[in-house]
Amino acid sequence: MHWTKEVFVTPFKEDLMEVANLRVLLECHALKLSIDNGDTDWEGNLVSAHHKLSSMEQKMLSGDDSQKEDWKRYDWEFHLALIEACGSRNLISLHSVLYDKYLRYQMLMLTHRGQEAADEHKKMLEAALDRNVEAATKTLTVHIEKGLEHTLAAF
């Protein structure tokens, strides 16, 4: 924490860590609720969102990063699809604010974590479809934490 020109400024790393921790709490809770409440439509939306994200990740892994904005959108759509059946508009809204803030930090470095992130997305999809709350939330937590480490390492 630093005082600059009489304005209290939270260092960006501390803020990013807090946002990531809050994201884990909210997104894991919402994911659990979605797994408990999700129906066939939720499953279909989740599979569709993952398909778009996975296709874009494969392009990026082959060296084509010309559609980074699409990747950002597809990543958001997948994470939203994971929690859409949670039954709480407020929880989804709070998650949206945190995800947006987290993504802004992550985009400062403009790199994709590669195959590891793609594998985590696939594991989250499979665990959610299998209704395995423990595996889904554990993979999501690891995914967010590794994304945080990746972003912090760039600064």
Protein backbone atom coordinates (compact mmCIF):
# COMPACT_ATOMS: atom_id res chain seq x y z
CA MET A 1 0.00 0.00 0.00
CA HIS A 2 1.37 3.37 -0.99
CA TRP A 3 0.44 7.01 -0.53
CA THR A 4 0.99 8.98 -3.71
CA LYS A 5 0.11 12.69 -3.89
CA GLU A 6 -2.14 12.17 -0.88
CA VAL A 7 -4.17 9.55 -2.69
CA PHE A 8 -4.23 6.01 -1.39
CA VAL A 9 -3.18 3.64 -4.17
CA THR A 10 -3.35 -0.14 -3.91
CA PRO A 11 -0.49 -1.70 -5.82
CA PHE A 12 -1.73 -3.51 -8.87
CA LYS A 13 -0.29 -6.90 -7.84
CA GLU A 14 -2.19 -6.84 -4.55
CA ASP A 15 -5.36 -5.83 -6.36
CA LEU A 16 -4.93 -8.57 -8.96
CA MET A 17 -4.37 -11.18 -6.24
CA GLU A 18 -7.49 -10.02 -4.41
CA VAL A 19 -9.56 -10.11 -7.61
CA ALA A 20 -8.30 -13.63 -8.39
CA ASN A 21 -9.12 -14.83 -4.87
CA LEU A 22 -12.61 -13.34 -5.06
CA ARG A 23 -13.06 -14.91 -8.46
CA VAL A 24 -12.20 -18.33 -7.02
CA LEU A 25 -14.74 -17.88 -4.22
CA LEU A 26 -17.59 -16.62 -6.38
CA GLU A 27 -16.98 -18.67 -9.50
CA CYS A 28 -16.52 -21.95 -7.60
CA HIS A 29 -19.70 -21.31 -5.61
CA ALA A 30 -21.64 -20.46 -8.77
CA LEU A 31 -20.20 -23.50 -10.56
CA LYS A 32 -21.33 -25.79 -7.74
CA LEU A 33 -24.84 -24.33 -7.95
CA SER A 34 -24.85 -24.71 -11.74
CA ILE A 35 -23.78 -28.34 -11.54
CA ASP A 36 -26.54 -28.97 -9.00
CA ASN A 37 -29.20 -27.07 -11.00
CA GLY A 38 -28.10 -27.37 -14.62
CA ASP A 39 -30.32 -29.06 -17.16
CA THR A 40 -29.82 -30.33 -20.70
CA ASP A 41 -29.94 -26.78 -22.10
CA TRP A 42 -27.17 -25.74 -19.70
CA GLU A 43 -25.09 -28.73 -20.81
CA GLY A 44 -25.65 -27.86 -24.48
CA ASN A 45 -24.66 -24.22 -23.95
CA LEU A 46 -21.57 -25.32 -22.06
CA VAL A 47 -20.50 -27.73 -24.82
CA SER A 48 -21.08 -25.05 -27.46
CA ALA A 49 -19.10 -22.42 -25.52
CA HIS A 50 -16.25 -24.87 -25.00
CA HIS A 51 -16.21 -25.82 -28.68
CA LYS A 52 -15.75 -22.18 -29.74
CA LEU A 53 -13.07 -21.59 -27.12
CA SER A 54 -11.22 -24.81 -27.93
CA SER A 55 -11.21 -24.03 -31.65
CA MET A 56 -9.73 -20.60 -30.98
CA GLU A 57 -7.16 -22.01 -28.55
CA GLN A 58 -6.02 -24.50 -31.20
CA LYS A 59 -5.52 -21.63 -33.66
CA MET A 60 -3.49 -19.74 -31.07
CA LEU A 61 -1.43 -22.82 -30.25
CA SER A 62 -0.57 -23.13 -33.94
CA GLY A 63 0.82 -19.59 -33.87
CA ASP A 64 -2.20 -17.64 -35.16
CA ASP A 65 -2.99 -15.03 -32.54
CA SER A 66 -4.68 -12.62 -34.96
CA GLN A 67 -8.07 -13.17 -33.31
CA LYS A 68 -7.17 -12.42 -29.71
CA GLU A 69 -10.36 -10.44 -29.22
CA ASP A 70 -12.40 -13.49 -30.24
CA TRP A 71 -10.41 -15.65 -27.83
CA LYS A 72 -11.15 -13.18 -25.02
CA ARG A 73 -14.86 -13.30 -25.83
CA TYR A 74 -14.93 -17.09 -26.12
CA ASP A 75 -13.08 -17.48 -22.83
CA TRP A 76 -15.64 -15.19 -21.16
CA GLU A 77 -18.53 -17.11 -22.77
CA PHE A 78 -17.16 -20.42 -21.52
CA HIS A 79 -16.67 -19.22 -17.96
CA LEU A 80 -20.14 -17.66 -18.03
CA ALA A 81 -21.65 -20.88 -19.41
CA LEU A 82 -20.11 -22.79 -16.49
CA ILE A 83 -22.05 -20.70 -13.97
CA GLU A 84 -25.19 -19.72 -15.91
CA ALA A 85 -27.40 -22.28 -14.20
CA CYS A 86 -26.50 -21.08 -10.70
CA GLY A 87 -29.89 -19.42 -10.34
CA SER A 88 -28.61 -16.05 -9.13
CA ARG A 89 -28.48 -13.00 -11.36
CA ASN A 90 -26.61 -11.12 -8.64
CA LEU A 91 -23.93 -13.78 -8.43
CA ILE A 92 -23.51 -13.74 -12.21
CA SER A 93 -23.35 -9.93 -12.17
CA LEU A 94 -20.69 -9.88 -9.44
CA HIS A 95 -18.72 -12.53 -11.29
CA SER A 96 -18.91 -10.45 -14.46
CA VAL A 97 -17.40 -7.42 -12.72
CA LEU A 98 -14.56 -9.49 -11.24
CA TYR A 99 -13.91 -11.39 -14.46
CA ASP A 100 -13.71 -8.14 -16.43
CA LYS A 101 -11.25 -6.62 -13.97
CA TYR A 102 -9.16 -9.81 -13.92
CA LEU A 103 -9.13 -9.97 -17.71
CA ARG A 104 -7.95 -6.36 -17.99
CA TYR A 105 -4.89 -7.23 -15.94
CA GLN A 106 -4.29 -10.41 -17.88
CA MET A 107 -4.56 -8.62 -21.23
CA LEU A 108 -1.81 -6.19 -20.24
CA MET A 109 0.66 -8.94 -20.97
CA LEU A 110 -1.16 -10.18 -24.09
CA THR A 111 -0.10 -13.80 -23.89
CA HIS A 112 -2.08 -17.02 -23.77
CA ARG A 113 -1.00 -19.73 -21.33
CA GLY A 114 -1.17 -22.28 -24.10
CA GLN A 115 -1.95 -25.98 -23.92
CA GLU A 116 -2.12 -26.00 -20.13
CA ALA A 117 -5.04 -23.54 -20.11
CA ALA A 118 -6.76 -25.44 -22.94
CA ASP A 119 -6.42 -28.68 -20.98
CA GLU A 120 -7.88 -27.03 -17.87
CA HIS A 121 -10.87 -25.80 -19.86
CA LYS A 122 -11.48 -29.32 -21.16
CA LYS A 123 -11.21 -30.79 -17.65
CA MET A 124 -13.69 -28.21 -16.33
CA LEU A 125 -16.12 -29.08 -19.12
CA GLU A 126 -15.85 -32.81 -18.49
CA ALA A 127 -16.17 -32.49 -14.72
CA ALA A 128 -19.20 -30.20 -15.04
CA LEU A 129 -20.93 -32.56 -17.48
CA ASP A 130 -20.12 -35.49 -15.17
CA ARG A 131 -21.67 -33.46 -12.31
CA ASN A 132 -18.42 -33.81 -10.38
CA VAL A 133 -18.43 -30.67 -8.22
CA GLU A 134 -15.14 -31.47 -6.50
CA ALA A 135 -13.18 -32.02 -9.73
CA ALA A 136 -14.79 -29.04 -11.47
CA THR A 137 -14.13 -26.57 -8.66
CA LYS A 138 -10.62 -27.89 -8.07
CA THR A 139 -9.75 -27.51 -11.76
CA LEU A 140 -11.31 -24.04 -11.85
CA THR A 141 -9.30 -22.99 -8.79
CA VAL A 142 -6.06 -24.26 -10.35
CA HIS A 143 -6.97 -22.54 -13.62
CA ILE A 144 -7.45 -19.15 -11.96
CA GLU A 145 -4.36 -19.53 -9.75
CA LYS A 146 -2.14 -20.50 -12.69
CA GLY A 147 -3.52 -17.60 -14.71
CA LEU A 148 -2.63 -15.32 -11.81
CA GLU A 149 0.90 -16.74 -11.61
CA HIS A 150 1.31 -16.32 -15.37
CA THR A 151 0.20 -12.69 -15.24
CA LEU A 152 2.31 -11.82 -12.19
CA ALA A 153 5.40 -13.41 -13.77
CA ALA A 154 5.17 -10.93 -16.63
CA PHE A 155 5.57 -7.95 -14.29
